[in-house]
PDB file of N, CA and C in Angstrom:
ATOM      1  N   MET A   1      71.986  65.387  28.963  1.00  0.00           N
ATOM      2  CA  MET A   1      71.387  64.992  30.224  1.00  0.00           C
ATOM      3  C   MET A   1      70.259  64.008  29.918  1.00  0.00           C
ATOM      4  N   SER A   2      70.239  62.936  30.662  1.00  0.00           N
ATOM      5  CA  SER A   2      69.208  61.929  30.426  1.00  0.00           C
ATOM      6  C   SER A   2      67.867  62.416  30.966  1.00  0.00           C
ATOM      7  N   LEU A   3      66.826  61.760  30.518  1.00  0.00           N
ATOM      8  CA  LEU A   3      65.479  62.125  30.942  1.00  0.00           C
ATOM      9  C   LEU A   3      65.310  61.960  32.445  1.00  0.00           C
ATOM     10  N   LYS A   4      65.878  60.887  32.995  1.00  0.00           N
ATOM     11  CA  LYS A   4      65.756  60.630  34.423  1.00  0.00           C
ATOM     12  C   LYS A   4      66.440  61.727  35.241  1.00  0.00           C
ATOM     13  N   LYS A   5      67.635  62.133  34.815  1.00  0.00           N
ATOM     14  CA  LYS A   5      68.341  63.198  35.522  1.00  0.00           C
ATOM     15  C   LYS A   5      67.601  64.520  35.395  1.00  0.00           C
ATOM     16  N   ALA A   6      66.993  64.766  34.257  1.00  0.00           N
ATOM     17  CA  ALA A   6      66.214  65.988  34.063  1.00  0.00           C
ATOM     18  C   ALA A   6      65.009  65.998  34.993  1.00  0.00           C
ATOM     19  N   GLU A   7      64.362  64.841  35.148  1.00  0.00           N
ATOM     20  CA  GLU A   7      63.219  64.740  36.055  1.00  0.00           C
ATOM     21  C   GLU A   7      63.647  64.991  37.492  1.00  0.00           C
ATOM     22  N   ILE A   8      64.792  64.446  37.875  1.00  0.00           N
ATOM     23  CA  ILE A   8      65.288  64.624  39.239  1.00  0.00           C
ATOM     24  C   ILE A   8      65.638  66.078  39.479  1.00  0.00           C
ATOM     25  N   SER A   9      66.295  66.700  38.515  1.00  0.00           N
ATOM     26  CA  SER A   9      66.651  68.110  38.630  1.00  0.00           C
ATOM     27  C   SER A   9      65.395  68.957  38.759  1.00  0.00           C
ATOM     28  N   LEU A  10      64.384  68.656  37.966  1.00  0.00           N
ATOM     29  CA  LEU A  10      63.130  69.386  38.025  1.00  0.00           C
ATOM     30  C   LEU A  10      62.456  69.205  39.377  1.00  0.00           C
ATOM     31  N   SER A  11      62.460  67.982  39.895  1.00  0.00           N
ATOM     32  CA  SER A  11      61.807  67.742  41.177  1.00  0.00           C
ATOM     33  C   SER A  11      62.541  68.455  42.310  1.00  0.00           C
ATOM     34  N   LYS A  12      63.884  68.519  42.243  1.00  0.00           N
ATOM     35  CA  LYS A  12      64.635  69.245  43.267  1.00  0.00           C
ATOM     36  C   LYS A  12      64.300  70.728  43.229  1.00  0.00           C
ATOM     37  N   ASN A  13      64.231  71.278  42.030  1.00  0.00           N
ATOM     38  CA  ASN A  13      63.874  72.685  41.899  1.00  0.00           C
ATOM     39  C   ASN A  13      62.467  72.948  42.394  1.00  0.00           C
ATOM     40  N   PHE A  14      61.552  72.032  42.124  1.00  0.00           N
ATOM     41  CA  PHE A  14      60.173  72.175  42.560  1.00  0.00           C
ATOM     42  C   PHE A  14      60.086  72.191  44.088  1.00  0.00           C
ATOM     43  N   TYR A  15      60.754  71.242  44.740  1.00  0.00           N
ATOM     44  CA  TYR A  15      60.715  71.198  46.197  1.00  0.00           C
ATOM     45  C   TYR A  15      61.382  72.427  46.801  1.00  0.00           C
ATOM     46  N   TYR A  16      62.468  72.896  46.210  1.00  0.00           N
ATOM     47  CA  TYR A  16      63.129  74.107  46.694  1.00  0.00           C
ATOM     48  C   TYR A  16      62.165  75.281  46.608  1.00  0.00           C
ATOM     49  N   TYR A  17      61.459  75.402  45.479  1.00  0.00           N
ATOM     50  CA  TYR A  17      60.504  76.489  45.298  1.00  0.00           C
ATOM     51  C   TYR A  17      59.366  76.399  46.311  1.00  0.00           C
ATOM     52  N   ILE A  18      58.837  75.209  46.516  1.00  0.00           N
ATOM     53  CA  ILE A  18      57.743  75.033  47.475  1.00  0.00           C
ATOM     54  C   ILE A  18      58.197  75.417  48.876  1.00  0.00           C
ATOM     55  N   GLN A  19      59.391  74.985  49.260  1.00  0.00           N
ATOM     56  CA  GLN A  19      59.881  75.293  50.597  1.00  0.00           C
ATOM     57  C   GLN A  19      60.044  76.790  50.783  1.00  0.00           C
ATOM     58  N   LYS A  20      60.615  77.465  49.804  1.00  0.00           N
ATOM     59  CA  LYS A  20      60.789  78.910  49.913  1.00  0.00           C
ATOM     60  C   LYS A  20      59.442  79.604  49.970  1.00  0.00           C
ATOM     61  N   THR A  21      58.485  79.126  49.197  1.00  0.00           N
ATOM     62  CA  THR A  21      57.164  79.727  49.204  1.00  0.00           C
ATOM     63  C   THR A  21      56.484  79.532  50.554  1.00  0.00           C
ATOM     64  N   ILE A  22      56.605  78.363  51.125  1.00  0.00           N
ATOM     65  CA  ILE A  22      55.991  78.097  52.424  1.00  0.00           C
ATOM     66  C   ILE A  22      56.545  79.065  53.478  1.00  0.00           C
ATOM     67  N   PHE A  23      57.866  79.208  53.521  1.00  0.00           N
ATOM     68  CA  PHE A  23      58.454  80.078  54.529  1.00  0.00           C
ATOM     69  C   PHE A  23      58.149  81.551  54.255  1.00  0.00           C
ATOM     70  N   THR A  24      57.944  81.913  53.001  1.00  0.00           N
ATOM     71  CA  THR A  24      57.539  83.283  52.668  1.00  0.00           C
ATOM     72  C   THR A  24      56.135  83.547  53.185  1.00  0.00           C
ATOM     73  N   TYR A  25      55.239  82.596  52.986  1.00  0.00           N
ATOM     74  CA  TYR A  25      53.877  82.744  53.503  1.00  0.00           C
ATOM     75  C   TYR A  25      53.866  82.822  55.027  1.00  0.00           C
ATOM     76  N   ILE A  26      54.641  81.977  55.657  1.00  0.00           N
ATOM     77  CA  ILE A  26      54.704  81.981  57.120  1.00  0.00           C
ATOM     78  C   ILE A  26      55.198  83.338  57.623  1.00  0.00           C
ATOM     79  N   GLN A  27      56.248  83.851  57.010  1.00  0.00           N
ATOM     80  CA  GLN A  27      56.785  85.142  57.420  1.00  0.00           C
ATOM     81  C   GLN A  27      55.746  86.253  57.230  1.00  0.00           C
ATOM     82  N   GLY A  28      55.041  86.204  56.110  1.00  0.00           N
ATOM     83  CA  GLY A  28      54.002  87.208  55.862  1.00  0.00           C
ATOM     84  C   GLY A  28      52.907  87.157  56.907  1.00  0.00           C
ATOM     85  N   LEU A  29      52.491  85.950  57.255  1.00  0.00           N
ATOM     86  CA  LEU A  29      51.460  85.802  58.284  1.00  0.00           C
ATOM     87  C   LEU A  29      51.950  86.282  59.646  1.00  0.00           C
ATOM     88  N   GLN A  30      53.215  86.014  59.961  1.00  0.00           N
ATOM     89  CA  GLN A  30      53.769  86.487  61.229  1.00  0.00           C
ATOM     90  C   GLN A  30      53.751  88.012  61.290  1.00  0.00           C
ATOM     91  N   GLU A  31      54.093  88.658  60.188  1.00  0.00           N
ATOM     92  CA  GLU A  31      54.088  90.120  60.158  1.00  0.00           C
ATOM     93  C   GLU A  31      52.680  90.672  60.317  1.00  0.00           C
ATOM     94  N   ILE A  32      51.723  90.053  59.640  1.00  0.00           N
ATOM     95  CA  ILE A  32      50.337  90.505  59.748  1.00  0.00           C
ATOM     96  C   ILE A  32      49.836  90.365  61.179  1.00  0.00           C
ATOM     97  N   ILE A  33      50.076  89.214  61.772  1.00  0.00           N
ATOM     98  CA  ILE A  33      49.600  88.966  63.140  1.00  0.00           C
ATOM     99  C   ILE A  33      50.260  89.920  64.129  1.00  0.00           C
ATOM    100  N   SER A  34      51.558  90.169  63.951  1.00  0.00           N
ATOM    101  CA  SER A  34      52.247  91.048  64.901  1.00  0.00           C
ATOM    102  C   SER A  34      51.783  92.499  64.779  1.00  0.00           C
ATOM    103  N   ASN A  35      51.258  92.881  63.616  1.00  0.00           N
ATOM    104  CA  ASN A  35      50.795  94.257  63.433  1.00  0.00           C
ATOM    105  C   ASN A  35      49.342  94.475  63.861  1.00  0.00           C
ATOM    106  N   LEU A  36      48.615  93.405  64.115  1.00  0.00           N
ATOM    107  CA  LEU A  36      47.231  93.541  64.578  1.00  0.00           C
ATOM    108  C   LEU A  36      47.205  93.931  66.045  1.00  0.00           C
ATOM    109  N   LYS A  37      46.274  94.792  66.392  1.00  0.00           N
ATOM    110  CA  LYS A  37      46.122  95.235  67.773  1.00  0.00           C
ATOM    111  C   LYS A  37      44.761  94.762  68.299  1.00  0.00           C
ATOM    112  N   PRO A  38      44.779  93.769  69.181  1.00  0.00           N
ATOM    113  CA  PRO A  38      43.505  93.272  69.715  1.00  0.00           C
ATOM    114  C   PRO A  38      42.843  94.323  70.610  1.00  0.00           C
ATOM    115  N   ARG A  39      41.529  94.433  70.484  1.00  0.00           N
ATOM    116  CA  ARG A  39      40.782  95.422  71.269  1.00  0.00           C
ATOM    117  C   ARG A  39      40.073  94.808  72.464  1.00  0.00           C
ATOM    118  N   THR A  40      39.831  93.525  72.387  1.00  0.00           N
ATOM    119  CA  THR A  40      39.142  92.858  73.490  1.00  0.00           C
ATOM    120  C   THR A  40      39.979  91.681  73.966  1.00  0.00           C
ATOM    121  N   LEU A  41      39.612  91.161  75.112  1.00  0.00           N
ATOM    122  CA  LEU A  41      40.305  90.006  75.661  1.00  0.00           C
ATOM    123  C   LEU A  41      40.138  88.793  74.738  1.00  0.00           C
ATOM    124  N   THR A  42      38.959  88.644  74.146  1.00  0.00           N
ATOM    125  CA  THR A  42      38.708  87.537  73.220  1.00  0.00           C
ATOM    126  C   THR A  42      39.627  87.640  72.012  1.00  0.00           C
ATOM    127  N   GLU A  43      39.763  88.844  71.462  1.00  0.00           N
ATOM    128  CA  GLU A  43      40.663  89.033  70.318  1.00  0.00           C
ATOM    129  C   GLU A  43      42.115  88.749  70.708  1.00  0.00           C
ATOM    130  N   LYS A  44      42.485  89.137  71.916  1.00  0.00           N
ATOM    131  CA  LYS A  44      43.851  88.890  72.386  1.00  0.00           C
ATOM    132  C   LYS A  44      44.122  87.388  72.465  1.00  0.00           C
ATOM    133  N   ARG A  45      43.161  86.637  72.988  1.00  0.00           N
ATOM    134  CA  ARG A  45      43.316  85.184  73.085  1.00  0.00           C
ATOM    135  C   ARG A  45      43.387  84.534  71.706  1.00  0.00           C
ATOM    136  N   ARG A  46      42.568  85.035  70.780  1.00  0.00           N
ATOM    137  CA  ARG A  46      42.612  84.505  69.417  1.00  0.00           C
ATOM    138  C   ARG A  46      43.963  84.782  68.768  1.00  0.00           C
ATOM    139  N   MET A  47      44.513  85.955  69.033  1.00  0.00           N
ATOM    140  CA  MET A  47      45.828  86.312  68.488  1.00  0.00           C
ATOM    141  C   MET A  47      46.906  85.389  69.060  1.00  0.00           C
ATOM    142  N   GLN A  48      46.842  85.121  70.346  1.00  0.00           N
ATOM    143  CA  GLN A  48      47.804  84.217  70.971  1.00  0.00           C
ATOM    144  C   GLN A  48      47.703  82.826  70.356  1.00  0.00           C
ATOM    145  N   LEU A  49      46.483  82.378  70.132  1.00  0.00           N
ATOM    146  CA  LEU A  49      46.274  81.060  69.522  1.00  0.00           C
ATOM    147  C   LEU A  49      46.800  81.044  68.085  1.00  0.00           C
ATOM    148  N   ALA A  50      46.558  82.112  67.346  1.00  0.00           N
ATOM    149  CA  ALA A  50      47.057  82.192  65.971  1.00  0.00           C
ATOM    150  C   ALA A  50      48.586  82.170  65.954  1.00  0.00           C
ATOM    151  N   LYS A  51      49.219  82.879  66.880  1.00  0.00           N
ATOM    152  CA  LYS A  51      50.685  82.869  66.962  1.00  0.00           C
ATOM    153  C   LYS A  51      51.207  81.477  67.290  1.00  0.00           C
ATOM    154  N   GLN A  52      50.524  80.796  68.197  1.00  0.00           N
ATOM    155  CA  GLN A  52      50.929  79.439  68.563  1.00  0.00           C
ATOM    156  C   GLN A  52      50.784  78.500  67.364  1.00  0.00           C
ATOM    157  N   HIS A  53      49.695  78.607  66.643  1.00  0.00           N
ATOM    158  CA  HIS A  53      49.484  77.758  65.467  1.00  0.00           C
ATOM    159  C   HIS A  53      50.540  78.041  64.409  1.00  0.00           C
ATOM    160  N   LEU A  54      50.880  79.285  64.243  1.00  0.00           N
ATOM    161  CA  LEU A  54      51.886  79.646  63.252  1.00  0.00           C
ATOM    162  C   LEU A  54      53.259  79.098  63.629  1.00  0.00           C
ATOM    163  N   ARG A  55      53.582  79.094  64.911  1.00  0.00           N
ATOM    164  CA  ARG A  55      54.844  78.488  65.359  1.00  0.00           C
ATOM    165  C   ARG A  55      54.861  76.997  65.052  1.00  0.00           C
ATOM    166  N   GLU A  56      53.722  76.343  65.255  1.00  0.00           N
ATOM    167  CA  GLU A  56      53.624  74.908  64.959  1.00  0.00           C
ATOM    168  C   GLU A  56      53.770  74.649  63.458  1.00  0.00           C
ATOM    169  N   VAL A  57      53.154  75.490  62.644  1.00  0.00           N
ATOM    170  CA  VAL A  57      53.272  75.343  61.198  1.00  0.00           C
ATOM    171  C   VAL A  57      54.722  75.526  60.771  1.00  0.00           C
ATOM    172  N   LYS A  58      55.393  76.506  61.343  1.00  0.00           N
ATOM    173  CA  LYS A  58      56.796  76.761  61.009  1.00  0.00           C
ATOM    174  C   LYS A  58      57.673  75.571  61.416  1.00  0.00           C
ATOM    175  N   ARG A  59      57.416  75.030  62.593  1.00  0.00           N
ATOM    176  CA  ARG A  59      58.167  73.862  63.056  1.00  0.00           C
ATOM    177  C   ARG A  59      57.939  72.671  62.133  1.00  0.00           C
ATOM    178  N   PHE A  60      56.689  72.458  61.752  1.00  0.00           N
ATOM    179  CA  PHE A  60      56.367  71.355  60.854  1.00  0.00           C
ATOM    180  C   PHE A  60      57.010  71.559  59.484  1.00  0.00           C
ATOM    181  N   ALA A  61      57.034  72.787  58.991  1.00  0.00           N
ATOM    182  CA  ALA A  61      57.636  73.076  57.682  1.00  0.00           C
ATOM    183  C   ALA A  61      59.142  72.807  57.722  1.00  0.00           C
ATOM    184  N   ARG A  62      59.801  73.168  58.828  1.00  0.00           N
ATOM    185  CA  ARG A  62      61.236  72.881  58.951  1.00  0.00           C
ATOM    186  C   ARG A  62      61.486  71.378  58.978  1.00  0.00           C
ATOM    187  N   LYS A  63      60.627  70.648  59.700  1.00  0.00           N
ATOM    188  CA  LYS A  63      60.771  69.183  59.752  1.00  0.00           C
ATOM    189  C   LYS A  63      60.570  68.589  58.367  1.00  0.00           C
ATOM    190  N   MET A  64      59.581  69.092  57.654  1.00  0.00           N
ATOM    191  CA  MET A  64      59.321  68.603  56.307  1.00  0.00           C
ATOM    192  C   MET A  64      60.511  68.908  55.392  1.00  0.00           C
ATOM    193  N   GLN A  65      61.102  70.070  55.546  1.00  0.00           N
ATOM    194  CA  GLN A  65      62.265  70.446  54.746  1.00  0.00           C
ATOM    195  C   GLN A  65      63.433  69.496  55.036  1.00  0.00           C
ATOM    196  N   ASN A  66      63.653  69.176  56.296  1.00  0.00           N
ATOM    197  CA  ASN A  66      64.718  68.236  56.660  1.00  0.00           C
ATOM    198  C   ASN A  66      64.444  66.843  56.095  1.00  0.00           C
ATOM    199  N   ASP A  67      63.201  66.399  56.176  1.00  0.00           N
ATOM    200  CA  ASP A  67      62.833  65.086  55.638  1.00  0.00           C
ATOM    201  C   ASP A  67      63.061  65.018  54.137  1.00  0.00           C
ATOM    202  N   ILE A  68      62.723  66.088  53.431  1.00  0.00           N
ATOM    203  CA  ILE A  68      62.937  66.123  51.985  1.00  0.00           C
ATOM    204  C   ILE A  68      64.419  66.041  51.673  1.00  0.00           C
ATOM    205  N   GLY A  69      65.241  66.741  52.447  1.00  0.00           N
ATOM    206  CA  GLY A  69      66.688  66.681  52.239  1.00  0.00           C
ATOM    207  C   GLY A  69      67.228  65.277  52.423  1.00  0.00           C
ATOM    208  N   VAL A  70      66.772  64.584  53.459  1.00  0.00           N
ATOM    209  CA  VAL A  70      67.207  63.208  53.716  1.00  0.00           C
ATOM    210  C   VAL A  70      66.771  62.298  52.573  1.00  0.00           C
ATOM    211  N   LEU A  71      65.537  62.457  52.126  1.00  0.00           N
ATOM    212  CA  LEU A  71      65.041  61.626  51.026  1.00  0.00           C
ATOM    213  C   LEU A  71      65.809  61.895  49.728  1.00  0.00           C
ATOM    214  N   GLN A  72      66.170  63.141  49.485  1.00  0.00           N
ATOM    215  CA  GLN A  72      66.954  63.457  48.291  1.00  0.00           C
ATOM    216  C   GLN A  72      68.331  62.806  48.358  1.00  0.00           C
ATOM    217  N   GLU A  73      68.938  62.818  49.539  1.00  0.00           N
ATOM    218  CA  GLU A  73      70.241  62.159  49.703  1.00  0.00           C
ATOM    219  C   GLU A  73      70.123  60.655  49.457  1.00  0.00           C
ATOM    220  N   LYS A  74      69.082  60.038  49.989  1.00  0.00           N
ATOM    221  CA  LYS A  74      68.867  58.603  49.774  1.00  0.00           C
ATOM    222  C   LYS A  74      68.648  58.303  48.298  1.00  0.00           C
ATOM    223  N   LEU A  75      67.904  59.166  47.623  1.00  0.00           N
ATOM    224  CA  LEU A  75      67.667  58.980  46.196  1.00  0.00           C
ATOM    225  C   LEU A  75      68.977  59.076  45.420  1.00  0.00           C
ATOM    226  N   ASN A  76      69.821  60.023  45.776  1.00  0.00           N
ATOM    227  CA  ASN A  76      71.126  60.152  45.103  1.00  0.00           C
ATOM    228  C   ASN A  76      71.971  58.898  45.305  1.00  0.00           C
ATOM    229  N   ILE A  77      71.965  58.370  46.505  1.00  0.00           N
ATOM    230  CA  ILE A  77      72.727  57.156  46.792  1.00  0.00           C
ATOM    231  C   ILE A  77      72.205  55.986  45.976  1.00  0.00           C
ATOM    232  N   LEU A  78      70.877  55.847  45.897  1.00  0.00           N
ATOM    233  CA  LEU A  78      70.278  54.771  45.105  1.00  0.00           C
ATOM    234  C   LEU A  78      70.622  54.921  43.630  1.00  0.00           C
ATOM    235  N   GLU A  79      70.570  56.151  43.140  1.00  0.00           N
ATOM    236  CA  GLU A  79      70.901  56.370  41.727  1.00  0.00           C
ATOM    237  C   GLU A  79      72.353  56.033  41.436  1.00  0.00           C
ATOM    238  N   GLU A  80      73.236  56.405  42.350  1.00  0.00           N
ATOM    239  CA  GLU A  80      74.654  56.109  42.161  1.00  0.00           C
ATOM    240  C   GLU A  80      74.895  54.599  42.198  1.00  0.00           C
ATOM    241  N   SER A  81      74.210  53.910  43.088  1.00  0.00           N
ATOM    242  CA  SER A  81      74.400  52.457  43.193  1.00  0.00           C
ATOM    243  C   SER A  81      73.838  51.743  41.963  1.00  0.00           C
ATOM    244  N   THR A  82      72.738  52.221  41.398  1.00  0.00           N
ATOM    245  CA  THR A  82      72.192  51.599  40.195  1.00  0.00           C
ATOM    246  C   THR A  82      73.006  51.991  38.967  1.00  0.00           C
ATOM    247  N   GLY A  83      73.655  53.139  39.006  1.00  0.00           N
ATOM    248  CA  GLY A  83      74.500  53.556  37.888  1.00  0.00           C
ATOM    249  C   GLY A  83      75.770  52.756  37.802  1.00  0.00           C
ATOM    250  N   ASP A  84      76.268  52.239  38.927  1.00  0.00           N
ATOM    251  CA  ASP A  84      77.498  51.447  38.961  1.00  0.00           C
ATOM    252  C   ASP A  84      77.283  50.048  38.404  1.00  0.00           C
ATOM    253  N   GLU A  85      76.078  49.577  38.417  1.00  0.00           N
ATOM    254  CA  GLU A  85      75.801  48.192  38.001  1.00  0.00           C
ATOM    255  C   GLU A  85      75.713  48.049  36.519  1.00  0.00           C
TER     256      GLU A  85
END
């Protein structure tokens, strides 16, 4: 395996690991928030805001995951086109 292919393989594994870690953290935070019991109206509002922020983070993480997939596909196409020359 060439050095360039090894670097690409490593970077794919790195991004896969980061994505899985991000979604693991998000899931953990969702569980923590859902298990908290607000005692006051202020705490209830803060919990609602935290849930909303977490949904936004999850949405952004999915978008980032899709963008990384598209970029990886483009990189593969570029590598194949430069390999043919």
